[in-house]
Amino acid sequence: MSEDGREKTLEREGKERQRVRERHNDERMPRWLHRPIQADRGMREVDALLRRLDLHTVCESAKCPNRMECFSRRTATFMLLGDTCTRNCAFCGVAKGVPAAPDAGEPERVAEAAAQLGLEHVVITSVTRDDLGDGGASLFAAAVRAVKARLPGATVEVLTPDFRGDLRALRLVLGAGPDIFNHNLETVEGLYERARPGADYRRSLALLETAKNEGMGVSTKSGIMVGLGETREQLRALFRDLAEVGCDMLTIGQYLRPSRAQLKVDRFLSPREFAELAREAEEAGIPLVASAPFVRSSYRAGELWQSACM
């Protein structure tokens, strides 16, 4: 890495440490959410690769608390279609505004990055692009095909937006042959108006159900955050809804406020409560559940997939 690149990386790491310190002070995080912030050579190598290939990751754009860990393990979740979202979800740290035009070369660069990192499980997501006719589905499909051509032995997981309920867009993605179709409900139905303006809980469930029914053996997955003000009964209803549409995997993690521009944390759940939620979700009929404070939809996704295959 050049001296200039090294300085920029160190500057980003310093800003991240400051952001975490500010969030700790603002939200009064409990002890189980405190952990050391570490950066090593692996993280810097991943960071340099992403810059060189001009790729975005949800790890960086959404200010994920696991970014340093994942980069240090030489893995990342690639984010298609730029780093600017057309929606304004009140919990999300991704930039909002008018995005740039799609980059037709992005799928091949994602495949190149996955190959250089030696990934065996590749997770591809995107910002929401309501400005595009197919919501970006064609670029998802191209990225899946590019990764499968470059890494025939790898599994590919897509984490898509809702495509405004357009089933043609969904089928375009499924036709590329992803192994896992992931679409996050994010929160309970009663909090959608406050947390997810522009989204629709029932529309998202229908997307997961169609993927399960038409995906030619694809496994379906969803993820939620807790700590936004949901009740236990609302969560139980969500678990039942996901089970009814045949969802195979669910991730449950603690909502952590990306910055002071997003919704405040209503409360922090204890590790014991996360274990209880996992049990309740499994009892509702979801086969595989990962539930812990730092769990995220794409965090250690390959390990969750391996558990599903056992």
C-alpha atoms as a PDB file:
ATOM      1  CA  MET A   1       0.000   0.000   0.000  1.00  0.00           C
ATOM      2  CA  SER A   2       1.290   3.490  -0.790  1.00  0.00           C
ATOM      3  CA  GLU A   3       2.071   5.970   1.971  1.00  0.00           C
ATOM      4  CA  ASP A   4      -0.937   8.047   0.918  1.00  0.00           C
ATOM      5  CA  GLY A   5      -3.201   5.004   1.010  1.00  0.00           C
ATOM      6  CA  ARG A   6      -1.870   4.000   4.432  1.00  0.00           C
ATOM      7  CA  GLU A   7      -2.560   7.479   5.815  1.00  0.00           C
ATOM      8  CA  LYS A   8      -6.117   7.440   4.488  1.00  0.00           C
ATOM      9  CA  THR A   9      -6.739   4.017   6.007  1.00  0.00           C
ATOM     10  CA  LEU A  10      -5.441   5.150   9.391  1.00  0.00           C
ATOM     11  CA  GLU A  11      -7.623   8.252   9.156  1.00  0.00           C
ATOM     12  CA  ARG A  12     -10.716   6.101   8.501  1.00  0.00           C
ATOM     13  CA  GLU A  13      -9.836   3.857  11.439  1.00  0.00           C
ATOM     14  CA  GLY A  14      -9.473   6.889  13.692  1.00  0.00           C
ATOM     15  CA  LYS A  15     -12.870   8.222  12.633  1.00  0.00           C
ATOM     16  CA  GLU A  16     -14.439   4.839  13.290  1.00  0.00           C
ATOM     17  CA  ARG A  17     -12.985   4.718  16.798  1.00  0.00           C
ATOM     18  CA  GLN A  18     -14.344   8.203  17.459  1.00  0.00           C
ATOM     19  CA  ARG A  19     -17.772   7.244  16.125  1.00  0.00           C
ATOM     20  CA  VAL A  20     -17.921   4.203  18.387  1.00  0.00           C
ATOM     21  CA  ARG A  21     -16.837   6.249  21.413  1.00  0.00           C
ATOM     22  CA  GLU A  22     -19.538   8.838  20.707  1.00  0.00           C
ATOM     23  CA  ARG A  23     -22.171   6.135  20.308  1.00  0.00           C
ATOM     24  CA  HIS A  24     -21.099   4.464  23.547  1.00  0.00           C
ATOM     25  CA  ASN A  25     -21.450   7.768  25.411  1.00  0.00           C
ATOM     26  CA  ASP A  26     -24.742   8.641  23.746  1.00  0.00           C
ATOM     27  CA  GLU A  27     -26.508   5.313  24.236  1.00  0.00           C
ATOM     28  CA  ARG A  28     -24.863   4.156  27.504  1.00  0.00           C
ATOM     29  CA  MET A  29     -24.129   0.720  26.098  1.00  0.00           C
ATOM     30  CA  PRO A  30     -24.138  -2.220  28.524  1.00  0.00           C
ATOM     31  CA  ARG A  31     -20.929  -4.129  29.178  1.00  0.00           C
ATOM     32  CA  TRP A  32     -21.768  -7.008  26.808  1.00  0.00           C
ATOM     33  CA  LEU A  33     -21.673  -4.575  23.872  1.00  0.00           C
ATOM     34  CA  HIS A  34     -18.187  -3.311  24.678  1.00  0.00           C
ATOM     35  CA  ARG A  35     -15.401  -5.031  22.802  1.00  0.00           C
ATOM     36  CA  PRO A  36     -11.928  -4.020  21.613  1.00  0.00           C
ATOM     37  CA  ILE A  37     -11.604  -2.195  18.310  1.00  0.00           C
ATOM     38  CA  GLN A  38      -8.778  -3.775  16.385  1.00  0.00           C
ATOM     39  CA  ALA A  39      -7.314  -3.272  12.951  1.00  0.00           C
ATOM     40  CA  ASP A  40      -4.681  -5.541  11.444  1.00  0.00           C
ATOM     41  CA  ARG A  41      -2.949  -6.192   8.165  1.00  0.00           C
ATOM     42  CA  GLY A  42      -5.887  -8.242   6.832  1.00  0.00           C
ATOM     43  CA  MET A  43      -8.238  -5.326   7.315  1.00  0.00           C
ATOM     44  CA  ARG A  44      -5.917  -2.938   5.522  1.00  0.00           C
ATOM     45  CA  GLU A  45      -5.489  -5.350   2.623  1.00  0.00           C
ATOM     46  CA  VAL A  46      -9.265  -5.699   2.179  1.00  0.00           C
ATOM     47  CA  ASP A  47      -9.692  -1.957   2.429  1.00  0.00           C
ATOM     48  CA  ALA A  48      -7.035  -1.409  -0.245  1.00  0.00           C
ATOM     49  CA  LEU A  49      -8.585  -4.031  -2.550  1.00  0.00           C
ATOM     50  CA  LEU A  50     -12.010  -2.408  -2.338  1.00  0.00           C
ATOM     51  CA  ARG A  51     -10.556   1.003  -3.122  1.00  0.00           C
ATOM     52  CA  ARG A  52      -8.562  -0.333  -6.055  1.00  0.00           C
ATOM     53  CA  LEU A  53     -11.599  -2.068  -7.566  1.00  0.00           C
ATOM     54  CA  ASP A  54     -13.910   0.846  -6.752  1.00  0.00           C
ATOM     55  CA  LEU A  55     -16.369  -1.304  -4.803  1.00  0.00           C
ATOM     56  CA  HIS A  56     -18.725  -0.450  -1.976  1.00  0.00           C
ATOM     57  CA  THR A  57     -19.631  -2.616   0.998  1.00  0.00           C
ATOM     58  CA  VAL A  58     -22.588  -2.487   3.345  1.00  0.00           C
ATOM     59  CA  CYS A  59     -20.007  -2.998   6.096  1.00  0.00           C
ATOM     60  CA  GLU A  60     -18.727   0.536   5.542  1.00  0.00           C
ATOM     61  CA  SER A  61     -21.801   2.319   4.225  1.00  0.00           C
ATOM     62  CA  ALA A  62     -24.115   1.087   6.987  1.00  0.00           C
ATOM     63  CA  LYS A  63     -21.423   1.615   9.662  1.00  0.00           C
ATOM     64  CA  CYS A  64     -21.586  -2.018  10.742  1.00  0.00           C
ATOM     65  CA  PRO A  65     -19.976  -2.664  14.156  1.00  0.00           C
ATOM     66  CA  ASN A  66     -18.458  -5.890  12.797  1.00  0.00           C
ATOM     67  CA  ARG A  67     -16.562  -4.271   9.933  1.00  0.00           C
ATOM     68  CA  MET A  68     -13.091  -4.469  11.443  1.00  0.00           C
ATOM     69  CA  GLU A  69     -13.577  -8.084  12.455  1.00  0.00           C
ATOM     70  CA  CYS A  70     -14.883  -9.141   9.047  1.00  0.00           C
ATOM     71  CA  PHE A  71     -12.249  -7.250   7.080  1.00  0.00           C
ATOM     72  CA  SER A  72      -9.573  -8.735   9.320  1.00  0.00           C
ATOM     73  CA  ARG A  73     -10.936 -12.172   8.401  1.00  0.00           C
ATOM     74  CA  ARG A  74     -10.676 -11.145   4.716  1.00  0.00           C
ATOM     75  CA  THR A  75     -14.373 -11.084   4.022  1.00  0.00           C
ATOM     76  CA  ALA A  76     -16.882  -8.365   3.148  1.00  0.00           C
ATOM     77  CA  THR A  77     -20.451  -7.944   1.933  1.00  0.00           C
ATOM     78  CA  PHE A  78     -20.404  -6.300  -1.493  1.00  0.00           C
ATOM     79  CA  MET A  79     -22.947  -3.551  -2.130  1.00  0.00           C
ATOM     80  CA  LEU A  80     -24.073  -2.981  -5.709  1.00  0.00           C
ATOM     81  CA  LEU A  81     -25.472   0.130  -7.359  1.00  0.00           C
ATOM     82  CA  GLY A  82     -23.404   2.726  -5.550  1.00  0.00           C
ATOM     83  CA  ASP A  83     -23.573   3.939  -1.956  1.00  0.00           C
ATOM     84  CA  THR A  84     -26.617   6.232  -2.103  1.00  0.00           C
ATOM     85  CA  CYS A  85     -30.107   4.921  -1.337  1.00  0.00           C
ATOM     86  CA  THR A  86     -33.375   6.279  -2.705  1.00  0.00           C
ATOM     87  CA  ARG A  87     -35.264   5.523   0.523  1.00  0.00           C
ATOM     88  CA  ASN A  88     -35.020   7.092   3.932  1.00  0.00           C
ATOM     89  CA  CYS A  89     -35.218   4.322   6.522  1.00  0.00           C
ATOM     90  CA  ALA A  90     -34.903   5.935   9.934  1.00  0.00           C
ATOM     91  CA  PHE A  91     -32.554   3.288  11.356  1.00  0.00           C
ATOM     92  CA  CYS A  92     -30.070   3.058   8.493  1.00  0.00           C
ATOM     93  CA  GLY A  93     -26.683   4.739   8.194  1.00  0.00           C
ATOM     94  CA  VAL A  94     -26.430   4.429   4.404  1.00  0.00           C
ATOM     95  CA  ALA A  95     -26.424   7.793   2.616  1.00  0.00           C
ATOM     96  CA  LYS A  96     -29.729   8.956   1.126  1.00  0.00           C
ATOM     97  CA  GLY A  97     -30.213  11.054  -1.986  1.00  0.00           C
ATOM     98  CA  VAL A  98     -29.949  10.927  -5.756  1.00  0.00           C
ATOM     99  CA  PRO A  99     -27.725   7.990  -6.765  1.00  0.00           C
ATOM    100  CA  ALA A 100     -25.391   7.713  -9.719  1.00  0.00           C
ATOM    101  CA  ALA A 101     -26.179   5.660 -12.812  1.00  0.00           C
ATOM    102  CA  PRO A 102     -25.576   1.891 -12.521  1.00  0.00           C
ATOM    103  CA  ASP A 103     -22.058   0.710 -13.325  1.00  0.00           C
ATOM    104  CA  ALA A 104     -22.161  -2.175 -15.797  1.00  0.00           C
ATOM    105  CA  GLY A 105     -18.630  -3.229 -14.840  1.00  0.00           C
ATOM    106  CA  GLU A 106     -19.468  -3.672 -11.167  1.00  0.00           C
ATOM    107  CA  PRO A 107     -20.475  -7.382 -11.307  1.00  0.00           C
ATOM    108  CA  GLU A 108     -17.130  -8.426 -12.795  1.00  0.00           C
ATOM    109  CA  ARG A 109     -15.245  -6.386 -10.208  1.00  0.00           C
ATOM    110  CA  VAL A 110     -17.230  -8.057  -7.435  1.00  0.00           C
ATOM    111  CA  ALA A 111     -16.233 -11.436  -8.853  1.00  0.00           C
ATOM    112  CA  GLU A 112     -12.615 -10.288  -9.046  1.00  0.00           C
ATOM    113  CA  ALA A 113     -12.634  -9.166  -5.413  1.00  0.00           C
ATOM    114  CA  ALA A 114     -14.282 -12.407  -4.271  1.00  0.00           C
ATOM    115  CA  ALA A 115     -11.627 -14.406  -6.112  1.00  0.00           C
ATOM    116  CA  GLN A 116      -8.742 -12.377  -4.695  1.00  0.00           C
ATOM    117  CA  LEU A 117     -10.130 -12.804  -1.183  1.00  0.00           C
ATOM    118  CA  GLY A 118     -10.599 -16.514  -1.745  1.00  0.00           C
ATOM    119  CA  LEU A 119     -14.214 -16.412  -0.580  1.00  0.00           C
ATOM    120  CA  GLU A 120     -16.166 -19.651  -0.368  1.00  0.00           C
ATOM    121  CA  HIS A 121     -19.410 -17.853   0.493  1.00  0.00           C
ATOM    122  CA  VAL A 122     -20.122 -14.574  -1.294  1.00  0.00           C
ATOM    123  CA  VAL A 123     -22.774 -12.163  -0.050  1.00  0.00           C
ATOM    124  CA  ILE A 124     -24.053  -9.499  -2.445  1.00  0.00           C
ATOM    125  CA  THR A 125     -26.451  -6.737  -1.461  1.00  0.00           C
ATOM    126  CA  SER A 126     -27.367  -3.278  -2.765  1.00  0.00           C
ATOM    127  CA  VAL A 127     -28.837   0.041  -1.873  1.00  0.00           C
ATOM    128  CA  THR A 128     -32.528   0.406  -2.731  1.00  0.00           C
ATOM    129  CA  ARG A 129     -32.909   1.872  -6.214  1.00  0.00           C
ATOM    130  CA  ASP A 130     -36.538   2.857  -6.710  1.00  0.00           C
ATOM    131  CA  ASP A 131     -35.358   5.080  -9.563  1.00  0.00           C
ATOM    132  CA  LEU A 132     -34.583   2.053 -11.752  1.00  0.00           C
ATOM    133  CA  GLY A 133     -37.200   0.176 -13.731  1.00  0.00           C
ATOM    134  CA  ASP A 134     -36.174  -3.212 -12.347  1.00  0.00           C
ATOM    135  CA  GLY A 135     -34.899  -1.923  -9.022  1.00  0.00           C
ATOM    136  CA  GLY A 136     -31.405  -3.083  -9.933  1.00  0.00           C
ATOM    137  CA  ALA A 137     -32.396  -6.746 -10.383  1.00  0.00           C
ATOM    138  CA  SER A 138     -30.495  -7.105 -13.654  1.00  0.00           C
ATOM    139  CA  LEU A 139     -27.241  -6.054 -11.963  1.00  0.00           C
ATOM    140  CA  PHE A 140     -27.862  -8.532  -9.146  1.00  0.00           C
ATOM    141  CA  ALA A 141     -28.327 -11.282 -11.731  1.00  0.00           C
ATOM    142  CA  ALA A 142     -25.152 -10.274 -13.558  1.00  0.00           C
ATOM    143  CA  ALA A 143     -23.179 -10.278 -10.304  1.00  0.00           C
ATOM    144  CA  VAL A 144     -24.412 -13.746  -9.337  1.00  0.00           C
ATOM    145  CA  ARG A 145     -23.444 -15.115 -12.749  1.00  0.00           C
ATOM    146  CA  ALA A 146     -20.052 -13.407 -12.672  1.00  0.00           C
ATOM    147  CA  VAL A 147     -19.189 -14.825  -9.245  1.00  0.00           C
ATOM    148  CA  LYS A 148     -20.361 -18.317 -10.164  1.00  0.00           C
ATOM    149  CA  ALA A 149     -18.305 -18.229 -13.358  1.00  0.00           C
ATOM    150  CA  ARG A 150     -15.196 -17.065 -11.508  1.00  0.00           C
ATOM    151  CA  LEU A 151     -15.700 -19.213  -8.374  1.00  0.00           C
ATOM    152  CA  PRO A 152     -17.692 -22.309  -9.389  1.00  0.00           C
ATOM    153  CA  GLY A 153     -17.345 -23.871  -5.945  1.00  0.00           C
ATOM    154  CA  ALA A 154     -18.557 -20.848  -3.979  1.00  0.00           C
ATOM    155  CA  THR A 155     -22.063 -20.369  -2.645  1.00  0.00           C
ATOM    156  CA  VAL A 156     -23.727 -17.051  -3.449  1.00  0.00           C
ATOM    157  CA  GLU A 157     -26.151 -15.245  -1.162  1.00  0.00           C
ATOM    158  CA  VAL A 158     -28.120 -12.239  -2.338  1.00  0.00           C
ATOM    159  CA  LEU A 159     -29.593  -9.751   0.111  1.00  0.00           C
ATOM    160  CA  THR A 160     -32.032  -7.735  -1.964  1.00  0.00           C
ATOM    161  CA  PRO A 161     -34.373  -4.785  -1.488  1.00  0.00           C
ATOM    162  CA  ASP A 162     -38.087  -5.397  -2.024  1.00  0.00           C
ATOM    163  CA  PHE A 163     -38.081  -4.276  -5.705  1.00  0.00           C
ATOM    164  CA  ARG A 164     -41.376  -2.501  -4.832  1.00  0.00           C
ATOM    165  CA  GLY A 165     -43.035  -5.910  -5.007  1.00  0.00           C
ATOM    166  CA  ASP A 166     -42.153  -6.411  -8.686  1.00  0.00           C
ATOM    167  CA  LEU A 167     -42.086 -10.202  -9.071  1.00  0.00           C
ATOM    168  CA  ARG A 168     -40.525  -9.934 -12.522  1.00  0.00           C
ATOM    169  CA  ALA A 169     -37.489  -8.318 -10.915  1.00  0.00           C
ATOM    170  CA  LEU A 170     -37.398 -11.026  -8.255  1.00  0.00           C
ATOM    171  CA  ARG A 171     -37.552 -13.764 -10.892  1.00  0.00           C
ATOM    172  CA  LEU A 172     -34.708 -12.107 -12.779  1.00  0.00           C
ATOM    173  CA  VAL A 173     -32.510 -12.481  -9.697  1.00  0.00           C
ATOM    174  CA  LEU A 174     -33.667 -16.034  -8.968  1.00  0.00           C
ATOM    175  CA  GLY A 175     -32.990 -17.008 -12.581  1.00  0.00           C
ATOM    176  CA  ALA A 176     -29.283 -16.349 -12.050  1.00  0.00           C
ATOM    177  CA  GLY A 177     -29.190 -19.206  -9.538  1.00  0.00           C
ATOM    178  CA  PRO A 178     -28.239 -17.782  -6.120  1.00  0.00           C
ATOM    179  CA  ASP A 179     -27.992 -20.381  -3.370  1.00  0.00           C
ATOM    180  CA  ILE A 180     -29.600 -18.167  -0.724  1.00  0.00           C
ATOM    181  CA  PHE A 181     -32.201 -15.461  -1.225  1.00  0.00           C
ATOM    182  CA  ASN A 182     -32.161 -13.031   1.686  1.00  0.00           C
ATOM    183  CA  HIS A 183     -34.559 -10.167   2.229  1.00  0.00           C
ATOM    184  CA  ASN A 184     -34.710  -8.455   5.606  1.00  0.00           C
ATOM    185  CA  LEU A 185     -37.973  -7.611   7.323  1.00  0.00           C
ATOM    186  CA  GLU A 186     -35.779  -5.446   9.612  1.00  0.00           C
ATOM    187  CA  THR A 187     -38.450  -4.907  12.281  1.00  0.00           C
ATOM    188  CA  VAL A 188     -42.001  -5.782  13.344  1.00  0.00           C
ATOM    189  CA  GLU A 189     -45.015  -4.697  11.326  1.00  0.00           C
ATOM    190  CA  GLY A 190     -46.124  -2.101  13.869  1.00  0.00           C
ATOM    191  CA  LEU A 191     -42.880  -0.124  13.518  1.00  0.00           C
ATOM    192  CA  TYR A 192     -42.769   0.077   9.723  1.00  0.00           C
ATOM    193  CA  GLU A 193     -44.322   3.523   9.447  1.00  0.00           C
ATOM    194  CA  ARG A 194     -41.737   5.008  11.813  1.00  0.00           C
ATOM    195  CA  ALA A 195     -38.676   2.965  10.881  1.00  0.00           C
ATOM    196  CA  ARG A 196     -39.189   1.964   7.242  1.00  0.00           C
ATOM    197  CA  PRO A 197     -41.165   4.575   5.276  1.00  0.00           C
ATOM    198  CA  GLY A 198     -41.555   3.370   1.703  1.00  0.00           C
ATOM    199  CA  ALA A 199     -41.439  -0.301   2.692  1.00  0.00           C
ATOM    200  CA  ASP A 200     -44.351  -2.639   3.366  1.00  0.00           C
ATOM    201  CA  TYR A 201     -44.234  -5.572   5.776  1.00  0.00           C
ATOM    202  CA  ARG A 202     -46.724  -7.742   3.862  1.00  0.00           C
ATOM    203  CA  ARG A 203     -45.018  -6.980   0.552  1.00  0.00           C
ATOM    204  CA  SER A 204     -41.719  -8.183   1.980  1.00  0.00           C
ATOM    205  CA  LEU A 205     -43.301 -11.383   3.271  1.00  0.00           C
ATOM    206  CA  ALA A 206     -44.807 -11.989  -0.175  1.00  0.00           C
ATOM    207  CA  LEU A 207     -41.365 -11.550  -1.741  1.00  0.00           C
ATOM    208  CA  LEU A 208     -39.888 -14.202   0.557  1.00  0.00           C
ATOM    209  CA  GLU A 209     -42.788 -16.550  -0.094  1.00  0.00           C
ATOM    210  CA  THR A 210     -42.458 -16.225  -3.867  1.00  0.00           C
ATOM    211  CA  ALA A 211     -38.700 -16.784  -3.669  1.00  0.00           C
ATOM    212  CA  LYS A 212     -39.296 -19.950  -1.679  1.00  0.00           C
ATOM    213  CA  ASN A 213     -41.961 -21.246  -4.045  1.00  0.00           C
ATOM    214  CA  GLU A 214     -40.260 -20.332  -7.313  1.00  0.00           C
ATOM    215  CA  GLY A 215     -36.555 -20.365  -6.473  1.00  0.00           C
ATOM    216  CA  MET A 216     -35.759 -23.896  -7.664  1.00  0.00           C
ATOM    217  CA  GLY A 217     -34.426 -25.088  -4.329  1.00  0.00           C
ATOM    218  CA  VAL A 218     -33.123 -21.720  -3.103  1.00  0.00           C
ATOM    219  CA  SER A 219     -32.908 -21.288   0.659  1.00  0.00           C
ATOM    220  CA  THR A 220     -34.657 -18.202   2.019  1.00  0.00           C
ATOM    221  CA  LYS A 221     -33.439 -15.986   4.809  1.00  0.00           C
ATOM    222  CA  SER A 222     -34.437 -12.816   6.631  1.00  0.00           C
ATOM    223  CA  GLY A 223     -33.060 -10.595   9.362  1.00  0.00           C
ATOM    224  CA  ILE A 224     -34.389  -8.254  12.018  1.00  0.00           C
ATOM    225  CA  MET A 225     -33.098  -5.761  14.581  1.00  0.00           C
ATOM    226  CA  VAL A 226     -34.407  -5.543  18.128  1.00  0.00           C
ATOM    227  CA  GLY A 227     -34.315  -2.600  20.477  1.00  0.00           C
ATOM    228  CA  LEU A 228     -36.440  -0.223  18.398  1.00  0.00           C
ATOM    229  CA  GLY A 229     -39.473  -0.399  20.682  1.00  0.00           C
ATOM    230  CA  GLU A 230     -41.028  -3.678  19.533  1.00  0.00           C
ATOM    231  CA  THR A 231     -42.935  -5.889  21.988  1.00  0.00           C
ATOM    232  CA  ARG A 232     -42.331  -9.580  22.589  1.00  0.00           C
ATOM    233  CA  GLU A 233     -45.743 -10.430  21.179  1.00  0.00           C
ATOM    234  CA  GLN A 234     -45.008  -8.442  18.012  1.00  0.00           C
ATOM    235  CA  LEU A 235     -41.806 -10.467  17.618  1.00  0.00           C
ATOM    236  CA  ARG A 236     -43.679 -13.733  18.097  1.00  0.00           C
ATOM    237  CA  ALA A 237     -46.122 -12.654  15.380  1.00  0.00           C
ATOM    238  CA  LEU A 238     -43.187 -11.910  13.065  1.00  0.00           C
ATOM    239  CA  PHE A 239     -41.698 -15.354  13.749  1.00  0.00           C
ATOM    240  CA  ARG A 240     -45.016 -16.991  12.882  1.00  0.00           C
ATOM    241  CA  ASP A 241     -45.314 -14.929   9.702  1.00  0.00           C
ATOM    242  CA  LEU A 242     -41.835 -15.953   8.533  1.00  0.00           C
ATOM    243  CA  ALA A 243     -42.520 -19.599   9.316  1.00  0.00           C
ATOM    244  CA  GLU A 244     -45.747 -19.465   7.306  1.00  0.00           C
ATOM    245  CA  VAL A 245     -43.887 -18.283   4.181  1.00  0.00           C
ATOM    246  CA  GLY A 246     -41.290 -21.042   4.577  1.00  0.00           C
ATOM    247  CA  CYS A 247     -38.315 -18.914   5.680  1.00  0.00           C
ATOM    248  CA  ASP A 248     -35.343 -21.215   6.314  1.00  0.00           C
ATOM    249  CA  MET A 249     -33.026 -18.877   8.244  1.00  0.00           C
ATOM    250  CA  LEU A 250     -33.409 -15.840  10.481  1.00  0.00           C
ATOM    251  CA  THR A 251     -30.854 -13.505  12.031  1.00  0.00           C
ATOM    252  CA  ILE A 252     -31.675 -11.392  15.095  1.00  0.00           C
ATOM    253  CA  GLY A 253     -29.333  -8.634  16.287  1.00  0.00           C
ATOM    254  CA  GLN A 254     -29.302  -5.575  18.516  1.00  0.00           C
ATOM    255  CA  TYR A 255     -30.110  -2.279  16.838  1.00  0.00           C
ATOM    256  CA  LEU A 256     -27.190   0.099  17.318  1.00  0.00           C
ATOM    257  CA  ARG A 257     -27.668   3.698  16.301  1.00  0.00           C
ATOM    258  CA  PRO A 258     -25.276   4.454  13.400  1.00  0.00           C
ATOM    259  CA  SER A 259     -25.179   8.159  14.238  1.00  0.00           C
ATOM    260  CA  ARG A 260     -27.284  10.796  15.932  1.00  0.00           C
ATOM    261  CA  ALA A 261     -29.225  11.248  12.696  1.00  0.00           C
ATOM    262  CA  GLN A 262     -30.968   7.881  13.135  1.00  0.00           C
ATOM    263  CA  LEU A 263     -33.550   6.567  15.600  1.00  0.00           C
ATOM    264  CA  LYS A 264     -32.447   6.235  19.205  1.00  0.00           C
ATOM    265  CA  VAL A 265     -32.107   2.805  20.749  1.00  0.00           C
ATOM    266  CA  ASP A 266     -35.224   2.064  22.797  1.00  0.00           C
ATOM    267  CA  ARG A 267     -33.431  -0.544  24.901  1.00  0.00           C
ATOM    268  CA  PHE A 268     -30.559  -3.032  24.866  1.00  0.00           C
ATOM    269  CA  LEU A 269     -31.520  -6.682  25.128  1.00  0.00           C
ATOM    270  CA  SER A 270     -29.394  -9.007  27.234  1.00  0.00           C
ATOM    271  CA  PRO A 271     -27.669 -12.107  25.818  1.00  0.00           C
ATOM    272  CA  ARG A 272     -30.205 -14.203  27.752  1.00  0.00           C
ATOM    273  CA  GLU A 273     -33.074 -12.468  25.933  1.00  0.00           C
ATOM    274  CA  PHE A 274     -31.427 -13.131  22.580  1.00  0.00           C
ATOM    275  CA  ALA A 275     -31.236 -16.825  23.454  1.00  0.00           C
ATOM    276  CA  GLU A 276     -34.921 -16.770  24.375  1.00  0.00           C
ATOM    277  CA  LEU A 277     -35.813 -15.146  21.055  1.00  0.00           C
ATOM    278  CA  ALA A 278     -33.868 -17.805  19.161  1.00  0.00           C
ATOM    279  CA  ARG A 279     -35.789 -20.530  20.965  1.00  0.00           C
ATOM    280  CA  GLU A 280     -39.149 -18.852  20.300  1.00  0.00           C
ATOM    281  CA  ALA A 281     -38.358 -18.379  16.604  1.00  0.00           C
ATOM    282  CA  GLU A 282     -37.368 -22.029  16.260  1.00  0.00           C
ATOM    283  CA  GLU A 283     -40.506 -23.126  18.104  1.00  0.00           C
ATOM    284  CA  ALA A 284     -42.548 -21.015  15.660  1.00  0.00           C
ATOM    285  CA  GLY A 285     -41.133 -23.121  12.821  1.00  0.00           C
ATOM    286  CA  ILE A 286     -38.020 -21.347  11.513  1.00  0.00           C
ATOM    287  CA  PRO A 287     -35.385 -24.089  11.110  1.00  0.00           C
ATOM    288  CA  LEU A 288     -32.213 -22.085  11.728  1.00  0.00           C
ATOM    289  CA  VAL A 289     -31.867 -18.955  13.855  1.00  0.00           C
ATOM    290  CA  ALA A 290     -28.785 -16.893  14.753  1.00  0.00           C
ATOM    291  CA  SER A 291     -29.583 -14.526  17.620  1.00  0.00           C
ATOM    292  CA  ALA A 292     -27.056 -12.436  19.553  1.00  0.00           C
ATOM    293  CA  PRO A 293     -26.297  -8.744  20.069  1.00  0.00           C
ATOM    294  CA  PHE A 294     -23.771  -8.400  17.235  1.00  0.00           C
ATOM    295  CA  VAL A 295     -25.501 -10.739  14.784  1.00  0.00           C
ATOM    296  CA  ARG A 296     -26.235  -9.098  11.444  1.00  0.00           C
ATOM    297  CA  SER A 297     -27.872 -10.466   8.322  1.00  0.00           C
ATOM    298  CA  SER A 298     -24.576 -10.995   6.506  1.00  0.00           C
ATOM    299  CA  TYR A 299     -22.300 -11.429   9.547  1.00  0.00           C
ATOM    300  CA  ARG A 300     -20.577 -14.836   9.379  1.00  0.00           C
ATOM    301  CA  ALA A 301     -23.175 -15.766   6.773  1.00  0.00           C
ATOM    302  CA  GLY A 302     -21.052 -18.624   5.455  1.00  0.00           C
ATOM    303  CA  GLU A 303     -21.011 -20.265   8.878  1.00  0.00           C
ATOM    304  CA  LEU A 304     -24.792 -20.026   9.147  1.00  0.00           C
ATOM    305  CA  TRP A 305     -25.092 -21.583   5.706  1.00  0.00           C
ATOM    306  CA  GLN A 306     -22.808 -24.426   6.719  1.00  0.00           C
ATOM    307  CA  SER A 307     -25.046 -25.046   9.728  1.00  0.00           C
ATOM    308  CA  ALA A 308     -28.031 -25.235   7.411  1.00  0.00           C
ATOM    309  CA  CYS A 309     -26.264 -27.852   5.292  1.00  0.00           C
ATOM    310  CA  MET A 310     -25.375 -30.141   8.190  1.00  0.00           C
END
